[in-house]
C-alpha atoms as a PDB file:
ATOM      1  CA  MET A   1      29.621-104.596  39.294  1.00  0.00           C
ATOM      2  CA  SER A   2      30.123-103.665  35.671  1.00  0.00           C
ATOM      3  CA  ASN A   3      29.315-100.220  34.325  1.00  0.00           C
ATOM      4  CA  ARG A   4      26.380-101.712  32.429  1.00  0.00           C
ATOM      5  CA  ASN A   5      24.788-102.892  35.681  1.00  0.00           C
ATOM      6  CA  VAL A   6      25.333 -99.534  37.354  1.00  0.00           C
ATOM      7  CA  LYS A   7      23.740 -97.671  34.462  1.00  0.00           C
ATOM      8  CA  SER A   8      20.729 -99.979  34.366  1.00  0.00           C
ATOM      9  CA  PHE A   9      20.306 -99.690  38.149  1.00  0.00           C
ATOM     10  CA  ILE A  10      20.437 -95.905  37.965  1.00  0.00           C
ATOM     11  CA  GLY A  11      17.976 -95.915  35.091  1.00  0.00           C
ATOM     12  CA  ARG A  12      15.472 -97.949  37.097  1.00  0.00           C
ATOM     13  CA  ASN A  13      15.763 -95.826  40.220  1.00  0.00           C
ATOM     14  CA  PRO A  14      16.402 -92.187  39.249  1.00  0.00           C
ATOM     15  CA  LEU A  15      15.411 -90.713  42.628  1.00  0.00           C
ATOM     16  CA  PRO A  16      17.557 -91.068  45.758  1.00  0.00           C
ATOM     17  CA  ILE A  17      16.223 -93.207  48.570  1.00  0.00           C
ATOM     18  CA  MET A  18      15.932 -90.882  51.549  1.00  0.00           C
ATOM     19  CA  PRO A  19      16.589 -92.237  55.053  1.00  0.00           C
ATOM     20  CA  THR A  20      13.755 -92.643  57.499  1.00  0.00           C
ATOM     21  CA  ASP A  21      13.671 -90.295  60.497  1.00  0.00           C
ATOM     22  CA  ALA A  22      15.230 -93.045  62.647  1.00  0.00           C
ATOM     23  CA  GLU A  23      17.985 -93.681  60.091  1.00  0.00           C
ATOM     24  CA  ASP A  24      18.642 -89.952  59.765  1.00  0.00           C
ATOM     25  CA  ALA A  25      18.926 -89.626  63.549  1.00  0.00           C
ATOM     26  CA  ALA A  26      21.412 -92.528  63.635  1.00  0.00           C
ATOM     27  CA  ILE A  27      23.470 -90.916  60.857  1.00  0.00           C
ATOM     28  CA  ASN A  28      23.546 -87.580  62.719  1.00  0.00           C
ATOM     29  CA  ARG A  29      24.565 -89.306  65.982  1.00  0.00           C
ATOM     30  CA  GLY A  30      27.436 -90.948  64.120  1.00  0.00           C
ATOM     31  CA  ILE A  31      28.561 -87.610  62.696  1.00  0.00           C
ATOM     32  CA  ALA A  32      28.389 -85.950  66.123  1.00  0.00           C
ATOM     33  CA  ALA A  33      30.341 -88.804  67.748  1.00  0.00           C
ATOM     34  CA  ASP A  34      33.298 -88.573  65.332  1.00  0.00           C
ATOM     35  CA  PRO A  35      35.626 -85.731  66.393  1.00  0.00           C
ATOM     36  CA  GLU A  36      38.003 -86.369  63.474  1.00  0.00           C
ATOM     37  CA  ASN A  37      35.285 -85.749  60.886  1.00  0.00           C
ATOM     38  CA  PRO A  38      32.991 -83.002  62.146  1.00  0.00           C
ATOM     39  CA  GLU A  39      30.028 -81.796  60.160  1.00  0.00           C
ATOM     40  CA  LEU A  40      30.984 -78.709  58.186  1.00  0.00           C
ATOM     41  CA  ASP A  41      29.136 -75.607  59.350  1.00  0.00           C
ATOM     42  CA  ALA A  42      28.487 -72.127  57.975  1.00  0.00           C
ATOM     43  CA  ALA A  43      31.704 -70.768  59.535  1.00  0.00           C
ATOM     44  CA  TRP A  44      33.781 -73.426  57.728  1.00  0.00           C
ATOM     45  CA  PHE A  45      32.168 -72.606  54.388  1.00  0.00           C
ATOM     46  CA  ALA A  46      32.602 -68.869  54.985  1.00  0.00           C
ATOM     47  CA  ALA A  47      36.359 -69.389  55.438  1.00  0.00           C
ATOM     48  CA  ALA A  48      36.716 -71.734  52.439  1.00  0.00           C
ATOM     49  CA  ARG A  49      38.672 -70.515  49.436  1.00  0.00           C
ATOM     50  CA  PRO A  50      38.416 -71.529  45.770  1.00  0.00           C
ATOM     51  CA  ALA A  51      40.759 -74.270  44.577  1.00  0.00           C
ATOM     52  CA  SER A  52      42.218 -71.806  42.064  1.00  0.00           C
ATOM     53  CA  GLU A  53      43.543 -69.749  45.010  1.00  0.00           C
ATOM     54  CA  VAL A  54      45.105 -72.569  47.025  1.00  0.00           C
ATOM     55  CA  LEU A  55      46.425 -75.064  44.458  1.00  0.00           C
ATOM     56  CA  PRO A  56      49.594 -74.558  42.439  1.00  0.00           C
ATOM     57  CA  PRO A  57      48.601 -73.009  39.078  1.00  0.00           C
ATOM     58  CA  ALA A  58      49.983 -75.869  36.969  1.00  0.00           C
ATOM     59  CA  PHE A  59      48.119 -78.470  39.023  1.00  0.00           C
ATOM     60  CA  PHE A  60      44.877 -76.509  38.909  1.00  0.00           C
ATOM     61  CA  ALA A  61      45.212 -76.133  35.122  1.00  0.00           C
ATOM     62  CA  LYS A  62      45.622 -79.905  34.691  1.00  0.00           C
ATOM     63  CA  LEU A  63      42.778 -80.585  37.094  1.00  0.00           C
ATOM     64  CA  THR A  64      40.365 -78.371  35.187  1.00  0.00           C
ATOM     65  CA  ALA A  65      41.618 -78.998  31.626  1.00  0.00           C
ATOM     66  CA  GLY A  66      38.658 -79.478  29.336  1.00  0.00           C
ATOM     67  CA  SER A  67      36.113 -78.480  31.959  1.00  0.00           C
ATOM     68  CA  PRO A  68      33.401 -76.109  30.713  1.00  0.00           C
ATOM     69  CA  HIS A  69      33.394 -74.592  34.231  1.00  0.00           C
ATOM     70  CA  ALA A  70      37.096 -73.683  34.305  1.00  0.00           C
ATOM     71  CA  ALA A  71      37.676 -69.962  34.567  1.00  0.00           C
END
């Protein structure tokens, strides 16, 4: 799909299509059944650290170069 088609598709459908309750239940069963990719919980997020603390400084600088959000 070309970029033009993606842009026109997004323009026609600006809101996400939410899953039905049955689809959502199936998605959650799939997440629960996959031990290698668990759903991230509050404890995981509480222990998370900013990329600026865990990446080498030179790599982080290149990664964020030109970003208005870079600190």
